[in-house]
Amino acid sequence: MLLDLISASRSPLGQPLYVVRDDLYPLFYGGNKARKMTHILAEIEEGGFDAVVSTGGIQSNHCRVVALACAERGWTCKLVLHGSQEQFLAEKGNALLMQRSGALLEFVDGHDIGPAMDRAMQELIDMGKRPYYLYGGGHNRPGVMAYKEAMQEFQEVWPGKDPPKSIFLASGTGSTQAGLLAGCRMLGWSQTRIRGISVARTKERGHKAILESLAFVDPSPETYQDDIYFDDRYTFGAYGQYTRELTEFTSRMARETGLILDNIYTGKAFYGMLDLLSREQESGPLVFWHTGGLMNLMH
């Protein structure tokens, strides 16, 4: 695990900021979806599957990772994408890598995702395949376990005597945040707050999703109720939406810190973190967990 330090002189916080660089995770062009996929692959291989059906948007980091992982292993990959096929074919970034991977693609409206995935599963079975049903975002037990175990890796590289005060991250489906929460409990880091900045969901829905994800790895997810921090004030409208203010902010952070943030995930989280800390004046070791999304800048 790569842990960077932005010094106090360069940090927009005016104090040192540690950054976990999952954007530089060494497989499938990085990000938290790549870390999750390493665990999901083990389950697919152990189950004897030879095809995967999954879903996401036309610039989905998750779908890019799934497509490349399947291509690497010679598995059939079927992606049910919500969004415009015309736009998908015109874009680069994740969309281009999905096209290059040879994945089978189907474009549907959001409310048709479930039925389309069910049809894809049956079609592959009829072809003699053994398909694995993979929820969007890697929202399953291996996906959560990836980040529970990532906390153990983090402990090994953490230079402080005391655990960090707060760990901030972009939070979407909730599985990454759930894994970090479970990992903190495993390490006995009861004073460390895992603070998710929502990229789309309301506070109520995000809180519920994190509890559902925790149930994959802990029989008593309700005991985490008071430990869930999920802030929905920095979505900039909705998933995939952003403003000129956010674009200017991410550009400024690149110039001032060398840290590349995207407008869909990490930019919102970093913006939210700075705004919250400017009002709270929190002291103590602080961490930003960079979950990737760089391909979202390249479409």
Protein backbone atom coordinates (compact mmCIF):
# COMPACT_ATOMS: atom_id res chain seq x y z
CA MET A 1 0.00 0.00 0.00
CA LEU A 2 1.31 3.43 -0.98
CA LEU A 3 0.86 6.17 1.62
CA ASP A 4 1.79 9.72 0.60
CA LEU A 5 2.26 12.71 2.86
CA ILE A 6 1.30 16.23 1.83
CA SER A 7 3.40 18.43 4.08
CA ALA A 8 1.92 21.24 6.15
CA SER A 9 3.50 23.81 3.82
CA ARG A 10 1.68 22.32 0.77
CA SER A 11 -1.46 21.04 2.45
CA PRO A 12 -4.62 23.12 1.99
CA LEU A 13 -5.38 22.22 5.62
CA GLY A 14 -2.30 23.97 6.92
CA GLN A 15 -1.32 20.73 8.62
CA PRO A 16 0.07 17.44 7.27
CA LEU A 17 -2.33 15.24 5.35
CA TYR A 18 -1.71 11.58 4.61
CA VAL A 19 -3.14 10.17 1.37
CA VAL A 20 -3.74 6.47 0.70
CA ARG A 21 -3.06 6.10 -3.03
CA ASP A 22 -5.51 3.47 -4.20
CA ASP A 23 -5.67 5.52 -7.39
CA LEU A 24 -2.26 3.92 -8.02
CA TYR A 25 -3.36 0.38 -7.17
CA PRO A 26 -1.31 -1.75 -9.57
CA LEU A 27 -4.05 -3.76 -11.31
CA PHE A 28 -6.67 -2.89 -13.95
CA TYR A 29 -5.66 0.80 -13.95
CA GLY A 30 -6.27 1.31 -10.27
CA GLY A 31 -8.90 2.53 -7.87
CA ASN A 32 -10.98 0.94 -5.15
CA LYS A 33 -12.84 -1.19 -7.71
CA ALA A 34 -9.55 -2.83 -8.66
CA ARG A 35 -8.73 -3.62 -5.03
CA LYS A 36 -12.19 -5.13 -4.60
CA MET A 37 -11.83 -7.15 -7.80
CA THR A 38 -8.78 -9.00 -6.51
CA HIS A 39 -10.98 -10.49 -3.77
CA ILE A 40 -13.97 -11.04 -6.05
CA LEU A 41 -11.77 -12.89 -8.55
CA ALA A 42 -10.82 -15.40 -5.88
CA GLU A 43 -14.49 -16.20 -5.27
CA ILE A 44 -15.18 -16.51 -9.02
CA GLU A 45 -12.25 -18.87 -9.52
CA GLU A 46 -13.08 -20.99 -6.46
CA GLY A 47 -16.67 -21.33 -7.70
CA GLY A 48 -15.60 -22.54 -11.14
CA PHE A 49 -17.34 -19.72 -12.99
CA ASP A 50 -16.26 -18.81 -16.52
CA ALA A 51 -18.38 -15.72 -17.20
CA VAL A 52 -19.41 -12.57 -15.35
CA VAL A 53 -22.49 -10.38 -15.62
CA SER A 54 -22.34 -6.93 -14.06
CA THR A 55 -23.65 -3.40 -14.42
CA GLY A 56 -22.79 0.28 -14.18
CA GLY A 57 -22.86 3.56 -16.04
CA ILE A 58 -21.17 4.22 -19.36
CA GLN A 59 -18.08 5.56 -17.58
CA SER A 60 -18.18 3.02 -14.73
CA ASN A 61 -14.84 2.37 -13.02
CA HIS A 62 -16.26 -0.92 -11.78
CA CYS A 63 -17.27 -2.10 -15.26
CA ARG A 64 -13.85 -1.17 -16.66
CA VAL A 65 -12.20 -3.33 -14.00
CA VAL A 66 -14.59 -6.25 -14.54
CA ALA A 67 -14.11 -6.12 -18.32
CA LEU A 68 -10.31 -6.11 -18.08
CA ALA A 69 -10.21 -8.84 -15.43
CA CYS A 70 -12.39 -11.09 -17.58
CA ALA A 71 -10.31 -10.41 -20.69
CA GLU A 72 -7.16 -11.31 -18.77
CA ARG A 73 -8.62 -14.69 -17.83
CA GLY A 74 -10.46 -15.48 -21.05
CA TRP A 75 -13.89 -15.31 -19.42
CA THR A 76 -17.03 -14.04 -21.13
CA CYS A 77 -18.06 -10.64 -19.77
CA LYS A 78 -21.54 -9.17 -20.17
CA LEU A 79 -22.04 -5.58 -19.02
CA VAL A 80 -25.49 -4.05 -18.68
CA LEU A 81 -24.86 -0.31 -18.96
CA HIS A 82 -27.30 2.46 -18.16
CA GLY A 83 -26.83 5.52 -20.32
CA SER A 84 -26.63 6.52 -23.97
CA GLN A 85 -25.00 4.06 -26.36
CA GLU A 86 -24.23 6.92 -28.74
CA GLN A 87 -22.44 8.83 -25.99
CA PHE A 88 -20.62 5.68 -24.87
CA LEU A 89 -19.24 5.05 -28.36
CA ALA A 90 -18.07 8.66 -28.64
CA GLU A 91 -16.20 8.75 -25.32
CA LYS A 92 -12.83 7.51 -24.17
CA GLY A 93 -11.67 6.77 -20.61
CA ASN A 94 -13.47 3.81 -19.06
CA ALA A 95 -15.80 3.52 -22.05
CA LEU A 96 -12.92 3.02 -24.46
CA LEU A 97 -11.28 0.38 -22.26
CA MET A 98 -14.58 -1.51 -22.02
CA GLN A 99 -14.84 -1.48 -25.81
CA ARG A 100 -11.24 -2.66 -26.25
CA SER A 101 -11.75 -5.51 -23.75
CA GLY A 102 -14.24 -7.31 -25.97
CA ALA A 103 -16.99 -7.32 -23.35
CA LEU A 104 -20.55 -7.93 -24.50
CA LEU A 105 -22.52 -4.72 -23.97
CA GLU A 106 -26.20 -3.94 -23.54
CA PHE A 107 -27.61 -0.46 -22.95
CA VAL A 108 -30.78 -0.02 -20.90
CA ASP A 109 -32.66 2.55 -18.86
CA GLY A 110 -32.01 2.51 -15.12
CA HIS A 111 -35.26 0.71 -14.22
CA ASP A 112 -34.45 -2.13 -16.67
CA ILE A 113 -31.09 -3.09 -15.15
CA GLY A 114 -32.33 -5.98 -12.99
CA PRO A 115 -34.38 -7.71 -15.72
CA ALA A 116 -31.57 -7.21 -18.25
CA MET A 117 -29.02 -8.82 -15.92
CA ASP A 118 -31.34 -11.74 -15.28
CA ARG A 119 -31.76 -12.24 -19.04
CA ALA A 120 -27.99 -12.06 -19.54
CA MET A 121 -27.44 -14.72 -16.90
CA GLN A 122 -29.92 -17.07 -18.59
CA GLU A 123 -28.47 -16.41 -22.05
CA LEU A 124 -25.00 -17.34 -20.85
CA ILE A 125 -26.31 -20.46 -19.14
CA ASP A 126 -28.02 -21.44 -22.40
CA MET A 127 -24.63 -21.02 -24.11
CA GLY A 128 -23.16 -23.58 -21.72
CA LYS A 129 -21.45 -20.99 -19.52
CA ARG A 130 -21.34 -20.82 -15.75
CA PRO A 131 -21.92 -17.08 -15.10
CA TYR A 132 -21.23 -15.17 -11.89
CA TYR A 133 -23.74 -12.43 -10.97
CA LEU A 134 -21.80 -9.38 -9.80
CA TYR A 135 -23.70 -6.44 -8.36
CA GLY A 136 -22.64 -3.00 -9.54
CA GLY A 137 -19.75 -1.44 -7.66
CA GLY A 138 -18.52 -4.76 -6.29
CA HIS A 139 -21.26 -4.59 -3.68
CA ASN A 140 -20.84 -8.04 -2.14
CA ARG A 141 -18.94 -9.85 0.61
CA PRO A 142 -15.55 -10.07 -1.17
CA GLY A 143 -15.80 -6.37 -2.02
CA VAL A 144 -16.30 -5.42 1.63
CA MET A 145 -13.63 -7.87 2.80
CA ALA A 146 -11.15 -6.21 0.45
CA TYR A 147 -11.36 -3.02 2.49
CA LYS A 148 -11.55 -4.71 5.85
CA GLU A 149 -8.21 -6.32 5.00
CA ALA A 150 -6.93 -3.06 3.48
CA MET A 151 -7.06 -1.55 6.96
CA GLN A 152 -4.57 -4.19 8.07
CA GLU A 153 -2.26 -3.13 5.22
CA PHE A 154 -2.77 0.47 6.23
CA GLN A 155 -1.77 -0.26 9.82
CA GLU A 156 1.51 -1.75 8.57
CA VAL A 157 2.50 1.45 6.75
CA TRP A 158 1.00 3.97 9.18
CA PRO A 159 3.89 5.94 10.70
CA GLY A 160 2.12 7.39 13.72
CA LYS A 161 2.15 6.01 17.24
CA ASP A 162 -1.56 6.76 17.52
CA PRO A 163 -4.22 5.82 14.94
CA PRO A 164 -5.46 8.61 12.67
CA LYS A 165 -8.19 10.84 13.99
CA SER A 166 -10.25 10.69 10.79
CA ILE A 167 -10.13 8.91 7.45
CA PHE A 168 -12.10 10.66 4.69
CA LEU A 169 -13.24 9.00 1.46
CA ALA A 170 -15.70 9.28 -1.41
CA SER A 171 -18.65 7.02 -0.56
CA GLY A 172 -20.99 5.59 -3.18
CA THR A 173 -22.49 2.11 -2.77
CA GLY A 174 -21.20 2.00 0.82
CA SER A 175 -19.12 -1.17 0.54
CA THR A 176 -15.73 0.55 0.70
CA GLN A 177 -16.74 2.58 3.75
CA ALA A 178 -18.21 -0.53 5.38
CA GLY A 179 -14.98 -2.43 4.88
CA LEU A 180 -12.92 0.35 6.45
CA LEU A 181 -15.31 0.49 9.41
CA ALA A 182 -15.04 -3.26 9.95
CA GLY A 183 -11.27 -3.02 9.60
CA CYS A 184 -11.03 -0.31 12.24
CA ARG A 185 -13.00 -2.45 14.66
CA MET A 186 -10.78 -5.43 13.88
CA LEU A 187 -7.71 -3.32 14.72
CA GLY A 188 -9.25 -1.89 17.87
CA TRP A 189 -9.07 1.65 16.46
CA SER A 190 -12.22 2.80 18.21
CA GLN A 191 -11.27 6.49 18.10
CA THR A 192 -10.73 6.60 14.32
CA ARG A 193 -13.71 8.02 12.42
CA ILE A 194 -14.36 6.77 8.89
CA ARG A 195 -16.00 9.77 7.25
CA GLY A 196 -17.75 9.14 3.95
CA ILE A 197 -18.55 12.04 1.65
CA SER A 198 -21.48 11.04 -0.53
CA VAL A 199 -21.07 11.25 -4.29
CA ALA A 200 -24.79 10.81 -4.93
CA ARG A 201 -26.95 9.26 -2.21
CA THR A 202 -28.93 10.95 0.53
CA LYS A 203 -27.74 10.54 4.10
CA GLU A 204 -30.57 8.13 4.94
CA ARG A 205 -30.02 5.90 1.92
CA GLY A 206 -26.25 5.93 2.31
CA HIS A 207 -26.42 5.03 6.00
CA LYS A 208 -28.71 2.10 5.19
CA ALA A 209 -26.43 0.88 2.39
CA ILE A 210 -23.40 0.91 4.68
CA LEU A 211 -25.26 -1.16 7.29
CA GLU A 212 -26.31 -3.62 4.58
CA SER A 213 -22.69 -3.90 3.45
CA LEU A 214 -21.48 -4.45 7.01
CA ALA A 215 -23.85 -7.41 7.27
CA PHE A 216 -21.63 -9.21 4.72
CA VAL A 217 -18.75 -9.33 7.22
CA ASP A 218 -20.31 -8.90 10.66
CA PRO A 219 -23.35 -10.70 12.14
CA SER A 220 -24.19 -7.59 14.21
CA PRO A 221 -24.11 -4.64 11.78
CA GLU A 222 -26.49 -2.68 13.99
CA THR A 223 -23.67 -2.19 16.50
CA TYR A 224 -22.05 0.23 14.01
CA GLN A 225 -25.00 2.65 14.00
CA ASP A 226 -23.19 5.38 15.92
CA ASP A 227 -19.94 4.91 13.98
CA ILE A 228 -21.32 5.73 10.54
CA TYR A 229 -20.46 9.18 9.23
CA PHE A 230 -22.03 9.82 5.83
CA ASP A 231 -22.32 13.43 4.69
CA ASP A 232 -24.58 14.19 1.71
CA ARG A 233 -23.94 17.95 1.44
CA TYR A 234 -21.29 17.75 -1.28
CA THR A 235 -22.93 15.76 -4.10
CA PHE A 236 -23.04 18.85 -6.36
CA GLY A 237 -26.49 17.79 -7.53
CA ALA A 238 -26.41 14.05 -8.17
CA TYR A 239 -24.24 11.20 -9.38
CA GLY A 240 -22.13 12.33 -12.31
CA GLN A 241 -23.05 15.98 -11.85
CA TYR A 242 -20.64 18.74 -10.93
CA THR A 243 -20.16 22.48 -11.25
CA ARG A 244 -17.55 24.92 -12.51
CA GLU A 245 -16.65 25.55 -8.87
CA LEU A 246 -15.73 21.90 -8.39
CA THR A 247 -13.75 21.77 -11.65
CA GLU A 248 -11.79 24.87 -10.63
CA PHE A 249 -11.20 23.34 -7.20
CA THR A 250 -9.81 20.05 -8.53
CA SER A 251 -7.59 21.96 -10.97
CA ARG A 252 -6.26 24.11 -8.13
CA MET A 253 -5.55 21.06 -5.97
CA ALA A 254 -3.55 19.52 -8.82
CA ARG A 255 -1.45 22.68 -9.14
CA GLU A 256 -0.92 23.17 -5.42
CA THR A 257 -0.47 19.58 -4.20
CA GLY A 258 0.16 17.41 -7.28
CA LEU A 259 -2.87 15.34 -6.32
CA ILE A 260 -5.16 14.50 -9.26
CA LEU A 261 -8.84 14.37 -8.30
CA ASP A 262 -11.84 13.68 -10.52
CA ASN A 263 -15.18 15.50 -10.50
CA ILE A 264 -17.34 12.41 -9.93
CA TYR A 265 -15.82 10.85 -6.81
CA THR A 266 -12.64 12.06 -5.16
CA GLY A 267 -13.05 15.74 -6.02
CA LYS A 268 -16.34 15.87 -4.14
CA ALA A 269 -14.84 14.02 -1.19
CA PHE A 270 -11.74 16.22 -0.98
CA TYR A 271 -13.83 19.38 -1.29
CA GLY A 272 -16.18 18.15 1.44
CA MET A 273 -13.29 17.19 3.70
CA LEU A 274 -11.70 20.64 3.46
CA ASP A 275 -15.00 22.41 4.04
CA LEU A 276 -15.83 20.30 7.09
CA LEU A 277 -12.39 20.67 8.63
CA SER A 278 -12.38 24.44 8.05
CA ARG A 279 -15.41 24.63 10.33
CA GLU A 280 -14.47 21.96 12.84
CA GLN A 281 -10.78 22.79 13.28
CA GLU A 282 -10.00 19.14 13.89
CA SER A 283 -6.47 18.38 15.04
CA GLY A 284 -4.58 15.11 15.01
CA PRO A 285 -3.45 12.82 12.18
CA LEU A 286 -5.77 13.04 9.17
CA VAL A 287 -6.03 10.74 6.16
CA PHE A 288 -7.67 11.03 2.75
CA TRP A 289 -8.26 7.63 1.13
CA HIS A 290 -7.94 8.26 -2.61
CA THR A 291 -10.28 5.72 -4.22
CA GLY A 292 -9.32 6.46 -7.82
CA GLY A 293 -11.55 7.53 -10.68
CA LEU A 294 -8.82 9.03 -12.83
CA MET A 295 -10.31 7.53 -16.01
CA ASN A 296 -13.31 9.80 -15.42
CA LEU A 297 -11.04 12.73 -16.34
CA MET A 298 -10.14 11.18 -19.68
CA HIS A 299 -13.42 10.81 -21.51
